[in-house]
Amino acid sequence: MKSLLVLALVGVFSSSAFAMPPYLAKFKAAYPAASAIAKCTVCHNGTGYKERNDYAKDLAANGHNFAAIEGFDSDVDGFTNLAEITAGKLPGNADSHPAQ
């Protein structure tokens, strides 16, 4: 009985650890060529992914509409979000930008 409970708990926690957030799925659908950056770090800083970056904040403030913020420079690095995404760079990380 105890081992059955342990297996059930492992199943619950492992399935949630690999769950794809709905906004990441929408990002992948909107930018299929950007698969290299289509990860949690598009919208989150650091490890644990609790802190949202400025790209995620702009996205939330604009109704989670990716097209609405393509012209923004969320990380204030001199490149639009779309230019960064197209170049395979993270639009919420000022250290990740196209070559100048």
C-alpha atoms as a PDB file:
ATOM      1  CA  MET A   1       0.000   0.000   0.000  1.00  0.00           C
ATOM      2  CA  LYS A   2       2.805   2.385   0.913  1.00  0.00           C
ATOM      3  CA  SER A   3       4.630   1.751  -2.364  1.00  0.00           C
ATOM      4  CA  LEU A   4       1.409   2.416  -4.291  1.00  0.00           C
ATOM      5  CA  LEU A   5       1.091   5.798  -2.590  1.00  0.00           C
ATOM      6  CA  VAL A   6       4.708   6.643  -3.412  1.00  0.00           C
ATOM      7  CA  LEU A   7       4.177   5.709  -7.064  1.00  0.00           C
ATOM      8  CA  ALA A   8       1.037   7.853  -7.220  1.00  0.00           C
ATOM      9  CA  LEU A   9       2.874  10.854  -5.769  1.00  0.00           C
ATOM     10  CA  VAL A  10       5.794  10.412  -8.160  1.00  0.00           C
ATOM     11  CA  GLY A  11       3.366  10.273 -11.080  1.00  0.00           C
ATOM     12  CA  VAL A  12       1.581  13.443 -10.018  1.00  0.00           C
ATOM     13  CA  PHE A  13       4.749  15.454  -9.469  1.00  0.00           C
ATOM     14  CA  SER A  14       6.610  14.203 -12.511  1.00  0.00           C
ATOM     15  CA  SER A  15       3.726  14.950 -14.860  1.00  0.00           C
ATOM     16  CA  SER A  16       3.403  18.509 -13.574  1.00  0.00           C
ATOM     17  CA  ALA A  17       7.162  19.032 -13.892  1.00  0.00           C
ATOM     18  CA  PHE A  18       6.974  18.366 -17.628  1.00  0.00           C
ATOM     19  CA  ALA A  19       3.740  20.227 -18.303  1.00  0.00           C
ATOM     20  CA  MET A  20       3.980  22.890 -20.998  1.00  0.00           C
ATOM     21  CA  PRO A  21       2.534  26.218 -19.910  1.00  0.00           C
ATOM     22  CA  PRO A  22      -0.159  27.423 -22.310  1.00  0.00           C
ATOM     23  CA  TYR A  23       1.678  30.655 -23.158  1.00  0.00           C
ATOM     24  CA  LEU A  24       4.776  28.753 -24.211  1.00  0.00           C
ATOM     25  CA  ALA A  25       2.640  26.647 -26.519  1.00  0.00           C
ATOM     26  CA  LYS A  26       1.160  29.852 -27.963  1.00  0.00           C
ATOM     27  CA  PHE A  27       4.662  31.297 -28.412  1.00  0.00           C
ATOM     28  CA  LYS A  28       5.721  28.186 -30.316  1.00  0.00           C
ATOM     29  CA  ALA A  29       2.642  28.454 -32.534  1.00  0.00           C
ATOM     30  CA  ALA A  30       3.230  32.160 -33.214  1.00  0.00           C
ATOM     31  CA  TYR A  31       6.964  31.765 -33.894  1.00  0.00           C
ATOM     32  CA  PRO A  32       7.621  28.223 -35.174  1.00  0.00           C
ATOM     33  CA  ALA A  33      11.065  29.182 -36.489  1.00  0.00           C
ATOM     34  CA  ALA A  34      12.136  30.269 -32.993  1.00  0.00           C
ATOM     35  CA  SER A  35      12.252  26.754 -31.558  1.00  0.00           C
ATOM     36  CA  ALA A  36      15.744  27.313 -30.124  1.00  0.00           C
ATOM     37  CA  ILE A  37      14.433  29.932 -27.694  1.00  0.00           C
ATOM     38  CA  ALA A  38      10.939  28.487 -27.150  1.00  0.00           C
ATOM     39  CA  LYS A  39      11.617  27.676 -23.517  1.00  0.00           C
ATOM     40  CA  CYS A  40      10.529  29.017 -20.138  1.00  0.00           C
ATOM     41  CA  THR A  41      13.366  31.566 -20.279  1.00  0.00           C
ATOM     42  CA  VAL A  42      11.480  33.514 -22.954  1.00  0.00           C
ATOM     43  CA  CYS A  43       9.310  34.905 -20.137  1.00  0.00           C
ATOM     44  CA  HIS A  44      11.119  34.010 -16.919  1.00  0.00           C
ATOM     45  CA  ASN A  45      14.393  34.945 -15.223  1.00  0.00           C
ATOM     46  CA  GLY A  46      16.741  32.658 -13.344  1.00  0.00           C
ATOM     47  CA  THR A  47      15.989  29.223 -12.054  1.00  0.00           C
ATOM     48  CA  GLY A  48      12.684  28.201 -10.585  1.00  0.00           C
ATOM     49  CA  TYR A  49      10.960  30.420 -13.155  1.00  0.00           C
ATOM     50  CA  LYS A  50       8.842  32.343 -10.654  1.00  0.00           C
ATOM     51  CA  GLU A  51      10.083  35.806 -11.633  1.00  0.00           C
ATOM     52  CA  ARG A  52       8.750  37.106 -14.950  1.00  0.00           C
ATOM     53  CA  ASN A  53      10.959  39.268 -17.149  1.00  0.00           C
ATOM     54  CA  ASP A  54       9.889  42.507 -18.846  1.00  0.00           C
ATOM     55  CA  TYR A  55       8.832  40.678 -22.025  1.00  0.00           C
ATOM     56  CA  ALA A  56       6.374  38.600 -19.990  1.00  0.00           C
ATOM     57  CA  LYS A  57       5.141  41.703 -18.183  1.00  0.00           C
ATOM     58  CA  ASP A  58       4.559  43.489 -21.502  1.00  0.00           C
ATOM     59  CA  LEU A  59       2.798  40.391 -22.823  1.00  0.00           C
ATOM     60  CA  ALA A  60       0.472  40.261 -19.814  1.00  0.00           C
ATOM     61  CA  ALA A  61      -0.233  44.002 -20.007  1.00  0.00           C
ATOM     62  CA  ASN A  62      -1.274  43.585 -23.650  1.00  0.00           C
ATOM     63  CA  GLY A  63      -3.743  40.755 -23.263  1.00  0.00           C
ATOM     64  CA  HIS A  64      -1.171  38.009 -23.938  1.00  0.00           C
ATOM     65  CA  ASN A  65      -1.130  39.112 -27.572  1.00  0.00           C
ATOM     66  CA  PHE A  66       2.310  38.390 -29.014  1.00  0.00           C
ATOM     67  CA  ALA A  67       1.721  40.480 -32.149  1.00  0.00           C
ATOM     68  CA  ALA A  68       0.817  43.512 -30.031  1.00  0.00           C
ATOM     69  CA  ILE A  69       4.293  43.643 -28.470  1.00  0.00           C
ATOM     70  CA  GLU A  70       6.443  42.684 -31.460  1.00  0.00           C
ATOM     71  CA  GLY A  71       7.443  46.329 -31.939  1.00  0.00           C
ATOM     72  CA  PHE A  72       8.294  46.823 -28.265  1.00  0.00           C
ATOM     73  CA  ASP A  73      11.840  46.677 -26.921  1.00  0.00           C
ATOM     74  CA  SER A  74      10.902  44.972 -23.666  1.00  0.00           C
ATOM     75  CA  ASP A  75      14.454  44.486 -22.416  1.00  0.00           C
ATOM     76  CA  VAL A  76      15.578  47.967 -23.579  1.00  0.00           C
ATOM     77  CA  ASP A  77      18.593  46.721 -25.512  1.00  0.00           C
ATOM     78  CA  GLY A  78      17.919  48.624 -28.733  1.00  0.00           C
ATOM     79  CA  PHE A  79      16.218  45.769 -30.609  1.00  0.00           C
ATOM     80  CA  THR A  80      12.509  45.122 -31.020  1.00  0.00           C
ATOM     81  CA  ASN A  81      11.057  41.950 -29.587  1.00  0.00           C
ATOM     82  CA  LEU A  82      10.369  40.663 -33.093  1.00  0.00           C
ATOM     83  CA  ALA A  83      13.945  41.355 -34.245  1.00  0.00           C
ATOM     84  CA  GLU A  84      15.254  39.403 -31.266  1.00  0.00           C
ATOM     85  CA  ILE A  85      12.855  36.497 -31.713  1.00  0.00           C
ATOM     86  CA  THR A  86      13.630  36.323 -35.436  1.00  0.00           C
ATOM     87  CA  ALA A  87      17.359  36.237 -34.612  1.00  0.00           C
ATOM     88  CA  GLY A  88      16.839  33.469 -32.054  1.00  0.00           C
ATOM     89  CA  LYS A  89      17.500  35.747 -29.106  1.00  0.00           C
ATOM     90  CA  LEU A  90      15.523  36.266 -25.895  1.00  0.00           C
ATOM     91  CA  PRO A  91      13.359  39.413 -26.004  1.00  0.00           C
ATOM     92  CA  GLY A  92      13.301  39.682 -22.214  1.00  0.00           C
ATOM     93  CA  ASN A  93      17.050  39.468 -21.664  1.00  0.00           C
ATOM     94  CA  ALA A  94      19.168  42.524 -22.534  1.00  0.00           C
ATOM     95  CA  ASP A  95      22.284  40.327 -22.767  1.00  0.00           C
ATOM     96  CA  SER A  96      20.645  38.253 -25.513  1.00  0.00           C
ATOM     97  CA  HIS A  97      20.353  40.312 -28.697  1.00  0.00           C
ATOM     98  CA  PRO A  98      21.268  40.188 -32.381  1.00  0.00           C
ATOM     99  CA  ALA A  99      24.812  41.093 -33.376  1.00  0.00           C
ATOM    100  CA  GLN A 100      25.259  44.800 -33.974  1.00  0.00           C
END
